[in-house]
């Protein structure tokens, strides 16, 4: 079954992750549970309005070194979860070349190690 047939409209495959991230200038913490070259799914205790722009950032260990990824994203959905938190669908709208390189390395490796 294709992604269109099962209702998934994503243009890029998602990779499962377990990363801590931060959202916005207030540095709201979130858990990034999947990631692709075009977006991410994060879980947060904060509700964010759809179509708001937010900055998202994560740090990972890449080859023994810390790599930081940050970019601008649009909140395309904010759905309540049974535990009182929110699923945030994020669509990346703007990132610099360094962030794009880090993201491509993360997706190429197929597994991400959070910074301890």
PDB file of N, CA and C in Angstrom:
ATOM      1  N   UNK A   1       0.849  -1.174   0.000  1.00  0.00           N
ATOM      2  CA  UNK A   1       0.000   0.000   0.000  1.00  0.00           C
ATOM      3  C   UNK A   1       0.897   1.241   0.000  1.00  0.00           C
ATOM      4  N   UNK A   2       0.615   2.179  -0.856  1.00  0.00           N
ATOM      5  CA  UNK A   2       1.393   3.406  -0.910  1.00  0.00           C
ATOM      6  C   UNK A   2       0.989   4.318   0.233  1.00  0.00           C
ATOM      7  N   UNK A   3       1.839   5.315   0.495  1.00  0.00           N
ATOM      8  CA  UNK A   3       1.528   6.249   1.569  1.00  0.00           C
ATOM      9  C   UNK A   3       0.251   7.029   1.278  1.00  0.00           C
ATOM     10  N   UNK A   4      -0.039   7.301   0.012  1.00  0.00           N
ATOM     11  CA  UNK A   4      -1.276   8.010  -0.327  1.00  0.00           C
ATOM     12  C   UNK A   4      -2.499   7.142  -0.051  1.00  0.00           C
ATOM     13  N   UNK A   5      -2.365   5.823  -0.281  1.00  0.00           N
ATOM     14  CA  UNK A   5      -3.495   4.924  -0.052  1.00  0.00           C
ATOM     15  C   UNK A   5      -3.825   4.769   1.425  1.00  0.00           C
ATOM     16  N   UNK A   6      -2.812   4.842   2.299  1.00  0.00           N
ATOM     17  CA  UNK A   6      -3.087   4.668   3.721  1.00  0.00           C
ATOM     18  C   UNK A   6      -3.313   6.002   4.439  1.00  0.00           C
ATOM     19  N   UNK A   7      -3.434   7.090   3.679  1.00  0.00           N
ATOM     20  CA  UNK A   7      -3.746   8.386   4.269  1.00  0.00           C
ATOM     21  C   UNK A   7      -2.530   9.192   4.680  1.00  0.00           C
ATOM     22  N   UNK A   8      -1.336   8.680   4.493  1.00  0.00           N
ATOM     23  CA  UNK A   8      -0.116   9.388   4.850  1.00  0.00           C
ATOM     24  C   UNK A   8       0.300  10.249   3.669  1.00  0.00           C
ATOM     25  N   UNK A   9       0.282  11.579   3.853  1.00  0.00           N
ATOM     26  CA  UNK A   9       0.589  12.492   2.757  1.00  0.00           C
ATOM     27  C   UNK A   9       2.031  12.973   2.784  1.00  0.00           C
ATOM     28  N   UNK A  10       2.863  12.400   3.634  1.00  0.00           N
ATOM     29  CA  UNK A  10       4.243  12.862   3.744  1.00  0.00           C
ATOM     30  C   UNK A  10       4.997  12.629   2.452  1.00  0.00           C
ATOM     31  N   UNK A  11       5.873  13.577   2.134  1.00  0.00           N
ATOM     32  CA  UNK A  11       6.686  13.479   0.932  1.00  0.00           C
ATOM     33  C   UNK A  11       8.040  12.854   1.220  1.00  0.00           C
ATOM     34  N   UNK A  12       8.379  12.701   2.496  1.00  0.00           N
ATOM     35  CA  UNK A  12       9.669  12.133   2.875  1.00  0.00           C
ATOM     36  C   UNK A  12       9.454  11.133   4.005  1.00  0.00           C
ATOM     37  N   UNK A  13      10.162  10.004   3.958  1.00  0.00           N
ATOM     38  CA  UNK A  13       9.997   9.015   5.025  1.00  0.00           C
ATOM     39  C   UNK A  13      10.496   9.550   6.362  1.00  0.00           C
ATOM     40  N   UNK A  14       9.841   9.129   7.436  1.00  0.00           N
ATOM     41  CA  UNK A  14      10.226   9.537   8.781  1.00  0.00           C
ATOM     42  C   UNK A  14      11.105   8.478   9.421  1.00  0.00           C
ATOM     43  N   UNK A  15      12.052   8.935  10.238  1.00  0.00           N
ATOM     44  CA  UNK A  15      12.910   8.053  11.014  1.00  0.00           C
ATOM     45  C   UNK A  15      12.526   8.204  12.480  1.00  0.00           C
ATOM     46  N   UNK A  16      12.300   7.067  13.143  1.00  0.00           N
ATOM     47  CA  UNK A  16      11.968   7.103  14.553  1.00  0.00           C
ATOM     48  C   UNK A  16      13.165   7.623  15.349  1.00  0.00           C
ATOM     49  N   UNK A  17      12.895   8.465  16.340  1.00  0.00           N
ATOM     50  CA  UNK A  17      13.954   9.027  17.188  1.00  0.00           C
ATOM     51  C   UNK A  17      13.478   9.046  18.638  1.00  0.00           C
ATOM     52  N   UNK A  18      14.380   9.366  19.509  1.00  0.00           N
ATOM     53  CA  UNK A  18      14.057   9.617  20.918  1.00  0.00           C
ATOM     54  C   UNK A  18      14.978  10.731  21.375  1.00  0.00           C
ATOM     55  N   UNK A  19      14.711  11.925  20.884  1.00  0.00           N
ATOM     56  CA  UNK A  19      15.581  13.070  21.135  1.00  0.00           C
ATOM     57  C   UNK A  19      14.875  14.126  21.969  1.00  0.00           C
ATOM     58  N   UNK A  20      15.623  14.766  22.844  1.00  0.00           N
ATOM     59  CA  UNK A  20      15.111  15.926  23.561  1.00  0.00           C
ATOM     60  C   UNK A  20      15.358  17.146  22.692  1.00  0.00           C
ATOM     61  N   UNK A  21      14.376  17.995  22.600  1.00  0.00           N
ATOM     62  CA  UNK A  21      14.512  19.204  21.808  1.00  0.00           C
ATOM     63  C   UNK A  21      14.002  20.406  22.572  1.00  0.00           C
ATOM     64  N   UNK A  22      14.170  21.558  21.967  1.00  0.00           N
ATOM     65  CA  UNK A  22      13.632  22.796  22.518  1.00  0.00           C
ATOM     66  C   UNK A  22      12.864  23.512  21.415  1.00  0.00           C
ATOM     67  N   UNK A  23      11.792  24.166  21.836  1.00  0.00           N
ATOM     68  CA  UNK A  23      10.932  24.886  20.907  1.00  0.00           C
ATOM     69  C   UNK A  23      10.866  26.355  21.298  1.00  0.00           C
ATOM     70  N   UNK A  24      11.024  27.214  20.330  1.00  0.00           N
ATOM     71  CA  UNK A  24      10.784  28.639  20.508  1.00  0.00           C
ATOM     72  C   UNK A  24      11.807  29.358  21.354  1.00  0.00           C
ATOM     73  N   UNK A  25      11.596  30.649  21.484  1.00  0.00           N
ATOM     74  CA  UNK A  25      12.514  31.494  22.248  1.00  0.00           C
ATOM     75  C   UNK A  25      12.398  31.241  23.743  1.00  0.00           C
ATOM     76  N   UNK A  26      11.281  30.651  24.163  1.00  0.00           N
ATOM     77  CA  UNK A  26      11.097  30.343  25.587  1.00  0.00           C
ATOM     78  C   UNK A  26      11.757  29.031  25.975  1.00  0.00           C
ATOM     79  N   UNK A  27      12.349  28.335  25.001  1.00  0.00           N
ATOM     80  CA  UNK A  27      13.065  27.078  25.223  1.00  0.00           C
ATOM     81  C   UNK A  27      12.174  26.028  25.881  1.00  0.00           C
ATOM     82  N   UNK A  28      10.977  25.861  25.345  1.00  0.00           N
ATOM     83  CA  UNK A  28      10.051  24.827  25.808  1.00  0.00           C
ATOM     84  C   UNK A  28      10.624  23.474  25.412  1.00  0.00           C
ATOM     85  N   UNK A  29      10.753  22.564  26.362  1.00  0.00           N
ATOM     86  CA  UNK A  29      11.305  21.260  26.035  1.00  0.00           C
ATOM     87  C   UNK A  29      10.257  20.398  25.332  1.00  0.00           C
ATOM     88  N   UNK A  30      10.747  19.511  24.498  1.00  0.00           N
ATOM     89  CA  UNK A  30       9.887  18.575  23.786  1.00  0.00           C
ATOM     90  C   UNK A  30      10.652  17.287  23.555  1.00  0.00           C
ATOM     91  N   UNK A  31       9.931  16.258  23.177  1.00  0.00           N
ATOM     92  CA  UNK A  31      10.537  14.989  22.789  1.00  0.00           C
ATOM     93  C   UNK A  31      10.269  14.818  21.301  1.00  0.00           C
ATOM     94  N   UNK A  32      11.321  14.738  20.504  1.00  0.00           N
ATOM     95  CA  UNK A  32      11.190  14.543  19.061  1.00  0.00           C
ATOM     96  C   UNK A  32      11.137  13.039  18.825  1.00  0.00           C
ATOM     97  N   UNK A  33       9.966  12.559  18.346  1.00  0.00           N
ATOM     98  CA  UNK A  33       9.810  11.114  18.209  1.00  0.00           C
ATOM     99  C   UNK A  33       9.973  10.611  16.777  1.00  0.00           C
ATOM    100  N   UNK A  34       9.903  11.503  15.803  1.00  0.00           N
ATOM    101  CA  UNK A  34      10.313  11.118  14.457  1.00  0.00           C
ATOM    102  C   UNK A  34      10.742  12.360  13.695  1.00  0.00           C
ATOM    103  N   UNK A  35      11.489  12.104  12.626  1.00  0.00           N
ATOM    104  CA  UNK A  35      12.168  13.181  11.923  1.00  0.00           C
ATOM    105  C   UNK A  35      12.303  12.801  10.460  1.00  0.00           C
ATOM    106  N   UNK A  36      12.185  13.775   9.587  1.00  0.00           N
ATOM    107  CA  UNK A  36      12.463  13.568   8.159  1.00  0.00           C
ATOM    108  C   UNK A  36      13.153  14.818   7.634  1.00  0.00           C
ATOM    109  N   UNK A  37      13.442  14.820   6.338  1.00  0.00           N
ATOM    110  CA  UNK A  37      14.090  16.010   5.777  1.00  0.00           C
ATOM    111  C   UNK A  37      13.133  17.191   5.684  1.00  0.00           C
ATOM    112  N   UNK A  38      11.828  16.942   5.845  1.00  0.00           N
ATOM    113  CA  UNK A  38      10.855  18.033   5.722  1.00  0.00           C
ATOM    114  C   UNK A  38      10.126  18.385   7.016  1.00  0.00           C
ATOM    115  N   UNK A  39      10.261  17.559   8.053  1.00  0.00           N
ATOM    116  CA  UNK A  39       9.521  17.863   9.267  1.00  0.00           C
ATOM    117  C   UNK A  39       9.786  16.893  10.392  1.00  0.00           C
ATOM    118  N   UNK A  40       9.009  17.058  11.469  1.00  0.00           N
ATOM    119  CA  UNK A  40       9.185  16.235  12.661  1.00  0.00           C
ATOM    120  C   UNK A  40       7.864  16.121  13.407  1.00  0.00           C
ATOM    121  N   UNK A  41       7.801  15.101  14.249  1.00  0.00           N
ATOM    122  CA  UNK A  41       6.713  14.976  15.208  1.00  0.00           C
ATOM    123  C   UNK A  41       7.330  15.097  16.584  1.00  0.00           C
ATOM    124  N   UNK A  42       6.826  16.046  17.365  1.00  0.00           N
ATOM    125  CA  UNK A  42       7.331  16.279  18.713  1.00  0.00           C
ATOM    126  C   UNK A  42       6.177  16.182  19.699  1.00  0.00           C
ATOM    127  N   UNK A  43       6.516  15.818  20.925  1.00  0.00           N
ATOM    128  CA  UNK A  43       5.544  15.793  22.016  1.00  0.00           C
ATOM    129  C   UNK A  43       5.941  16.874  22.998  1.00  0.00           C
ATOM    130  N   UNK A  44       4.965  17.703  23.384  1.00  0.00           N
ATOM    131  CA  UNK A  44       5.234  18.816  24.291  1.00  0.00           C
ATOM    132  C   UNK A  44       4.105  18.967  25.293  1.00  0.00           C
ATOM    133  N   UNK A  45       4.429  19.519  26.436  1.00  0.00           N
ATOM    134  CA  UNK A  45       3.391  19.815  27.431  1.00  0.00           C
ATOM    135  C   UNK A  45       2.690  21.134  27.117  1.00  0.00           C
ATOM    136  N   UNK A  46       3.194  21.869  26.133  1.00  0.00           N
ATOM    137  CA  UNK A  46       2.624  23.158  25.751  1.00  0.00           C
ATOM    138  C   UNK A  46       1.813  23.051  24.465  1.00  0.00           C
ATOM    139  N   UNK A  47       0.651  23.652  24.480  1.00  0.00           N
ATOM    140  CA  UNK A  47      -0.176  23.751  23.279  1.00  0.00           C
ATOM    141  C   UNK A  47       0.373  24.876  22.409  1.00  0.00           C
ATOM    142  N   UNK A  48       0.527  24.608  21.131  1.00  0.00           N
ATOM    143  CA  UNK A  48       0.947  25.635  20.180  1.00  0.00           C
ATOM    144  C   UNK A  48      -0.107  25.752  19.105  1.00  0.00           C
ATOM    145  N   UNK A  49      -0.453  26.966  18.748  1.00  0.00           N
ATOM    146  CA  UNK A  49      -1.465  27.200  17.726  1.00  0.00           C
ATOM    147  C   UNK A  49      -0.962  26.748  16.355  1.00  0.00           C
ATOM    148  N   UNK A  50      -1.857  26.131  15.600  1.00  0.00           N
ATOM    149  CA  UNK A  50      -1.513  25.724  14.241  1.00  0.00           C
ATOM    150  C   UNK A  50      -1.148  26.939  13.400  1.00  0.00           C
ATOM    151  N   UNK A  51      -0.203  26.738  12.511  1.00  0.00           N
ATOM    152  CA  UNK A  51       0.333  27.714  11.575  1.00  0.00           C
ATOM    153  C   UNK A  51       1.225  28.763  12.242  1.00  0.00           C
ATOM    154  N   UNK A  52       1.483  28.616  13.540  1.00  0.00           N
ATOM    155  CA  UNK A  52       2.494  29.460  14.174  1.00  0.00           C
ATOM    156  C   UNK A  52       3.869  29.007  13.723  1.00  0.00           C
ATOM    157  N   UNK A  53       4.782  29.936  13.652  1.00  0.00           N
ATOM    158  CA  UNK A  53       6.172  29.622  13.343  1.00  0.00           C
ATOM    159  C   UNK A  53       6.922  29.462  14.657  1.00  0.00           C
ATOM    160  N   UNK A  54       7.790  28.454  14.700  1.00  0.00           N
ATOM    161  CA  UNK A  54       8.545  28.169  15.919  1.00  0.00           C
ATOM    162  C   UNK A  54       9.935  27.694  15.518  1.00  0.00           C
ATOM    163  N   UNK A  55      10.897  27.967  16.349  1.00  0.00           N
ATOM    164  CA  UNK A  55      12.253  27.453  16.125  1.00  0.00           C
ATOM    165  C   UNK A  55      12.376  26.155  16.911  1.00  0.00           C
ATOM    166  N   UNK A  56      12.899  25.107  16.281  1.00  0.00           N
ATOM    167  CA  UNK A  56      13.137  23.832  16.952  1.00  0.00           C
ATOM    168  C   UNK A  56      14.623  23.534  16.900  1.00  0.00           C
ATOM    169  N   UNK A  57      15.141  22.996  17.991  1.00  0.00           N
ATOM    170  CA  UNK A  57      16.545  22.616  18.041  1.00  0.00           C
ATOM    171  C   UNK A  57      16.743  21.325  18.806  1.00  0.00           C
ATOM    172  N   UNK A  58      17.676  20.503  18.339  1.00  0.00           N
ATOM    173  CA  UNK A  58      18.082  19.275  19.022  1.00  0.00           C
ATOM    174  C   UNK A  58      19.597  19.164  18.930  1.00  0.00           C
ATOM    175  N   UNK A  59      20.169  18.421  19.872  1.00  0.00           N
ATOM    176  CA  UNK A  59      21.597  18.113  19.846  1.00  0.00           C
ATOM    177  C   UNK A  59      21.755  16.608  19.876  1.00  0.00           C
ATOM    178  N   UNK A  60      22.671  16.110  19.055  1.00  0.00           N
ATOM    179  CA  UNK A  60      22.941  14.671  19.019  1.00  0.00           C
ATOM    180  C   UNK A  60      24.443  14.455  19.092  1.00  0.00           C
ATOM    181  N   UNK A  61      24.826  13.218  19.363  1.00  0.00           N
ATOM    182  CA  UNK A  61      26.225  12.836  19.250  1.00  0.00           C
ATOM    183  C   UNK A  61      26.414  12.225  17.875  1.00  0.00           C
ATOM    184  N   UNK A  62      27.376  12.739  17.152  1.00  0.00           N
ATOM    185  CA  UNK A  62      27.643  12.285  15.786  1.00  0.00           C
ATOM    186  C   UNK A  62      29.130  11.983  15.692  1.00  0.00           C
ATOM    187  N   UNK A  63      29.476  10.705  15.675  1.00  0.00           N
ATOM    188  CA  UNK A  63      30.882  10.331  15.593  1.00  0.00           C
ATOM    189  C   UNK A  63      31.674  10.779  16.793  1.00  0.00           C
ATOM    190  N   UNK A  64      31.062  10.752  17.971  1.00  0.00           N
ATOM    191  CA  UNK A  64      31.745  11.160  19.193  1.00  0.00           C
ATOM    192  C   UNK A  64      31.722  12.655  19.453  1.00  0.00           C
ATOM    193  N   UNK A  65      31.177  13.411  18.542  1.00  0.00           N
ATOM    194  CA  UNK A  65      31.086  14.868  18.717  1.00  0.00           C
ATOM    195  C   UNK A  65      29.628  15.281  18.779  1.00  0.00           C
ATOM    196  N   UNK A  66      29.374  16.398  19.435  1.00  0.00           N
ATOM    197  CA  UNK A  66      28.015  16.921  19.518  1.00  0.00           C
ATOM    198  C   UNK A  66      27.697  17.704  18.250  1.00  0.00           C
ATOM    199  N   UNK A  67      26.544  17.414  17.677  1.00  0.00           N
ATOM    200  CA  UNK A  67      26.066  18.135  16.495  1.00  0.00           C
ATOM    201  C   UNK A  67      24.731  18.768  16.840  1.00  0.00           C
ATOM    202  N   UNK A  68      24.587  20.031  16.522  1.00  0.00           N
ATOM    203  CA  UNK A  68      23.351  20.755  16.805  1.00  0.00           C
ATOM    204  C   UNK A  68      22.574  20.972  15.515  1.00  0.00           C
ATOM    205  N   UNK A  69      21.276  20.747  15.610  1.00  0.00           N
ATOM    206  CA  UNK A  69      20.374  21.002  14.495  1.00  0.00           C
ATOM    207  C   UNK A  69      19.315  21.981  14.976  1.00  0.00           C
ATOM    208  N   UNK A  70      19.100  23.044  14.224  1.00  0.00           N
ATOM    209  CA  UNK A  70      18.051  24.010  14.553  1.00  0.00           C
ATOM    210  C   UNK A  70      17.522  24.600  13.251  1.00  0.00           C
ATOM    211  N   UNK A  71      16.200  24.847  13.235  1.00  0.00           N
ATOM    212  CA  UNK A  71      15.601  25.461  12.056  1.00  0.00           C
ATOM    213  C   UNK A  71      14.247  26.063  12.431  1.00  0.00           C
ATOM    214  N   UNK A  72      13.684  26.789  11.501  1.00  0.00           N
ATOM    215  CA  UNK A  72      12.339  27.328  11.663  1.00  0.00           C
ATOM    216  C   UNK A  72      11.335  26.303  11.147  1.00  0.00           C
ATOM    217  N   UNK A  73      10.196  26.218  11.831  1.00  0.00           N
ATOM    218  CA  UNK A  73       9.169  25.259  11.429  1.00  0.00           C
ATOM    219  C   UNK A  73       7.788  25.861  11.649  1.00  0.00           C
ATOM    220  N   UNK A  74       6.852  25.401  10.842  1.00  0.00           N
ATOM    221  CA  UNK A  74       5.442  25.770  11.025  1.00  0.00           C
ATOM    222  C   UNK A  74       4.760  24.635  11.775  1.00  0.00           C
ATOM    223  N   UNK A  75       3.923  24.991  12.736  1.00  0.00           N
ATOM    224  CA  UNK A  75       3.116  24.005  13.443  1.00  0.00           C
ATOM    225  C   UNK A  75       1.934  23.680  12.534  1.00  0.00           C
ATOM    226  N   UNK A  76       1.906  22.460  11.994  1.00  0.00           N
ATOM    227  CA  UNK A  76       0.833  22.097  11.076  1.00  0.00           C
ATOM    228  C   UNK A  76      -0.296  21.363  11.790  1.00  0.00           C
ATOM    229  N   UNK A  77      -0.017  20.860  12.980  1.00  0.00           N
ATOM    230  CA  UNK A  77      -1.082  20.299  13.798  1.00  0.00           C
ATOM    231  C   UNK A  77      -0.629  20.254  15.244  1.00  0.00           C
ATOM    232  N   UNK A  78      -1.601  20.334  16.135  1.00  0.00           N
ATOM    233  CA  UNK A  78      -1.366  20.257  17.579  1.00  0.00           C
ATOM    234  C   UNK A  78      -2.534  19.466  18.158  1.00  0.00           C
ATOM    235  N   UNK A  79      -2.292  18.174  18.401  1.00  0.00           N
ATOM    236  CA  UNK A  79      -3.351  17.280  18.845  1.00  0.00           C
ATOM    237  C   UNK A  79      -3.146  16.881  20.299  1.00  0.00           C
ATOM    238  N   UNK A  80      -4.211  16.964  21.116  1.00  0.00           N
ATOM    239  CA  UNK A  80      -4.084  16.541  22.517  1.00  0.00           C
ATOM    240  C   UNK A  80      -3.857  15.035  22.616  1.00  0.00           C
ATOM    241  N   UNK A  81      -3.060  14.658  23.598  1.00  0.00           N
ATOM    242  CA  UNK A  81      -2.786  13.249  23.898  1.00  0.00           C
ATOM    243  C   UNK A  81      -3.525  12.876  25.180  1.00  0.00           C
ATOM    244  N   UNK A  82      -3.776  11.593  25.403  1.00  0.00           N
ATOM    245  CA  UNK A  82      -4.456  11.165  26.634  1.00  0.00           C
ATOM    246  C   UNK A  82      -3.708  11.548  27.914  1.00  0.00           C
ATOM    247  N   UNK A  83      -2.373  11.711  27.823  1.00  0.00           N
ATOM    248  CA  UNK A  83      -1.582  12.041  29.018  1.00  0.00           C
ATOM    249  C   UNK A  83      -1.542  13.541  29.314  1.00  0.00           C
ATOM    250  N   UNK A  84      -2.300  14.351  28.549  1.00  0.00           N
ATOM    251  CA  UNK A  84      -2.341  15.795  28.792  1.00  0.00           C
ATOM    252  C   UNK A  84      -1.323  16.584  27.991  1.00  0.00           C
ATOM    253  N   UNK A  85      -0.425  15.902  27.300  1.00  0.00           N
ATOM    254  CA  UNK A  85       0.546  16.596  26.454  1.00  0.00           C
ATOM    255  C   UNK A  85      -0.021  16.715  25.035  1.00  0.00           C
ATOM    256  N   UNK A  86       0.791  17.223  24.114  1.00  0.00           N
ATOM    257  CA  UNK A  86       0.336  17.469  22.743  1.00  0.00           C
ATOM    258  C   UNK A  86       1.301  16.879  21.728  1.00  0.00           C
ATOM    259  N   UNK A  87       0.743  16.280  20.668  1.00  0.00           N
ATOM    260  CA  UNK A  87       1.514  15.888  19.496  1.00  0.00           C
ATOM    261  C   UNK A  87       1.599  17.107  18.592  1.00  0.00           C
ATOM    262  N   UNK A  88       2.812  17.507  18.252  1.00  0.00           N
ATOM    263  CA  UNK A  88       3.028  18.664  17.391  1.00  0.00           C
ATOM    264  C   UNK A  88       3.600  18.204  16.059  1.00  0.00           C
ATOM    265  N   UNK A  89       2.841  18.393  14.997  1.00  0.00           N
ATOM    266  CA  UNK A  89       3.350  18.141  13.655  1.00  0.00           C
ATOM    267  C   UNK A  89       4.051  19.387  13.175  1.00  0.00           C
ATOM    268  N   UNK A  90       5.324  19.270  12.846  1.00  0.00           N
ATOM    269  CA  UNK A  90       6.137  20.423  12.453  1.00  0.00           C
ATOM    270  C   UNK A  90       6.626  20.256  11.021  1.00  0.00           C
ATOM    271  N   UNK A  91       6.498  21.307  10.234  1.00  0.00           N
ATOM    272  CA  UNK A  91       6.981  21.332   8.862  1.00  0.00           C
ATOM    273  C   UNK A  91       8.126  22.334   8.792  1.00  0.00           C
ATOM    274  N   UNK A  92       9.320  21.854   8.418  1.00  0.00           N
ATOM    275  CA  UNK A  92      10.483  22.729   8.352  1.00  0.00           C
ATOM    276  C   UNK A  92      10.311  23.735   7.212  1.00  0.00           C
ATOM    277  N   UNK A  93      10.462  25.005   7.547  1.00  0.00           N
ATOM    278  CA  UNK A  93      10.267  26.052   6.550  1.00  0.00           C
ATOM    279  C   UNK A  93      11.553  26.749   6.143  1.00  0.00           C
ATOM    280  N   UNK A  94      12.541  26.766   7.031  1.00  0.00           N
ATOM    281  CA  UNK A  94      13.769  27.484   6.731  1.00  0.00           C
ATOM    282  C   UNK A  94      14.903  26.909   7.577  1.00  0.00           C
ATOM    283  N   UNK A  95      16.005  26.558   6.915  1.00  0.00           N
ATOM    284  CA  UNK A  95      17.189  26.120   7.656  1.00  0.00           C
ATOM    285  C   UNK A  95      18.433  26.513   6.877  1.00  0.00           C
ATOM    286  N   UNK A  96      19.485  26.812   7.629  1.00  0.00           N
ATOM    287  CA  UNK A  96      20.732  27.181   6.956  1.00  0.00           C
ATOM    288  C   UNK A  96      21.467  25.915   6.500  1.00  0.00           C
ATOM    289  N   UNK A  97      22.538  26.116   5.749  1.00  0.00           N
ATOM    290  CA  UNK A  97      23.271  24.989   5.169  1.00  0.00           C
ATOM    291  C   UNK A  97      23.861  24.076   6.238  1.00  0.00           C
ATOM    292  N   UNK A  98      24.363  24.648   7.347  1.00  0.00           N
ATOM    293  CA  UNK A  98      24.931  23.825   8.415  1.00  0.00           C
ATOM    294  C   UNK A  98      23.865  22.921   9.022  1.00  0.00           C
ATOM    295  N   UNK A  99      22.684  23.449   9.271  1.00  0.00           N
ATOM    296  CA  UNK A  99      21.591  22.646   9.829  1.00  0.00           C
ATOM    297  C   UNK A  99      21.178  21.560   8.841  1.00  0.00           C
ATOM    298  N   UNK A 100      21.118  21.893   7.581  1.00  0.00           N
ATOM    299  CA  UNK A 100      20.757  20.907   6.550  1.00  0.00           C
ATOM    300  C   UNK A 100      21.786  19.773   6.512  1.00  0.00           C
ATOM    301  N   UNK A 101      23.074  20.105   6.638  1.00  0.00           N
ATOM    302  CA  UNK A 101      24.123  19.080   6.660  1.00  0.00           C
ATOM    303  C   UNK A 101      23.970  18.159   7.869  1.00  0.00           C
ATOM    304  N   UNK A 102      23.704  18.722   9.040  1.00  0.00           N
ATOM    305  CA  UNK A 102      23.508  17.907  10.249  1.00  0.00           C
ATOM    306  C   UNK A 102      22.296  17.008  10.063  1.00  0.00           C
ATOM    307  N   UNK A 103      21.193  17.554   9.567  1.00  0.00           N
ATOM    308  CA  UNK A 103      19.979  16.765   9.350  1.00  0.00           C
ATOM    309  C   UNK A 103      20.248  15.618   8.372  1.00  0.00           C
ATOM    310  N   UNK A 104      20.940  15.894   7.280  1.00  0.00           N
ATOM    311  CA  UNK A 104      21.241  14.842   6.308  1.00  0.00           C
ATOM    312  C   UNK A 104      22.117  13.757   6.919  1.00  0.00           C
ATOM    313  N   UNK A 105      23.089  14.137   7.760  1.00  0.00           N
ATOM    314  CA  UNK A 105      23.925  13.131   8.431  1.00  0.00           C
ATOM    315  C   UNK A 105      23.084  12.293   9.380  1.00  0.00           C
ATOM    316  N   UNK A 106      22.174  12.936  10.123  1.00  0.00           N
ATOM    317  CA  UNK A 106      21.319  12.198  11.056  1.00  0.00           C
ATOM    318  C   UNK A 106      20.486  11.182  10.301  1.00  0.00           C
ATOM    319  N   UNK A 107      19.882  11.582   9.209  1.00  0.00           N
ATOM    320  CA  UNK A 107      19.001  10.692   8.461  1.00  0.00           C
ATOM    321  C   UNK A 107      19.794   9.597   7.736  1.00  0.00           C
ATOM    322  N   UNK A 108      21.002   9.901   7.318  1.00  0.00           N
ATOM    323  CA  UNK A 108      21.830   8.916   6.632  1.00  0.00           C
ATOM    324  C   UNK A 108      22.238   7.784   7.567  1.00  0.00           C
ATOM    325  N   UNK A 109      22.577   8.119   8.812  1.00  0.00           N
ATOM    326  CA  UNK A 109      23.013   7.101   9.774  1.00  0.00           C
ATOM    327  C   UNK A 109      21.871   6.171  10.183  1.00  0.00           C
ATOM    328  N   UNK A 110      20.649   6.654  10.111  1.00  0.00           N
ATOM    329  CA  UNK A 110      19.511   5.815  10.431  1.00  0.00           C
ATOM    330  C   UNK A 110      19.268   5.609  11.907  1.00  0.00           C
ATOM    331  N   UNK A 111      20.144   6.120  12.745  1.00  0.00           N
ATOM    332  CA  UNK A 111      19.899   6.056  14.188  1.00  0.00           C
ATOM    333  C   UNK A 111      20.557   7.274  14.820  1.00  0.00           C
ATOM    334  N   UNK A 112      19.916   7.780  15.822  1.00  0.00           N
ATOM    335  CA  UNK A 112      20.383   8.985  16.459  1.00  0.00           C
ATOM    336  C   UNK A 112      20.652   8.709  17.925  1.00  0.00           C
ATOM    337  N   UNK A 113      21.742   9.222  18.413  1.00  0.00           N
ATOM    338  CA  UNK A 113      22.077   9.064  19.827  1.00  0.00           C
ATOM    339  C   UNK A 113      21.916  10.419  20.493  1.00  0.00           C
ATOM    340  N   UNK A 114      20.987  10.507  21.474  1.00  0.00           N
ATOM    341  CA  UNK A 114      20.834  11.784  22.162  1.00  0.00           C
ATOM    342  C   UNK A 114      22.096  12.171  22.918  1.00  0.00           C
ATOM    343  N   UNK A 115      22.306  13.448  23.093  1.00  0.00           N
ATOM    344  CA  UNK A 115      23.419  13.923  23.920  1.00  0.00           C
ATOM    345  C   UNK A 115      23.079  13.590  25.365  1.00  0.00           C
ATOM    346  N   UNK A 116      24.023  12.943  26.075  1.00  0.00           N
ATOM    347  CA  UNK A 116      23.743  12.589  27.470  1.00  0.00           C
ATOM    348  C   UNK A 116      23.976  13.736  28.405  1.00  0.00           C
TER     349      UNK A 116
END
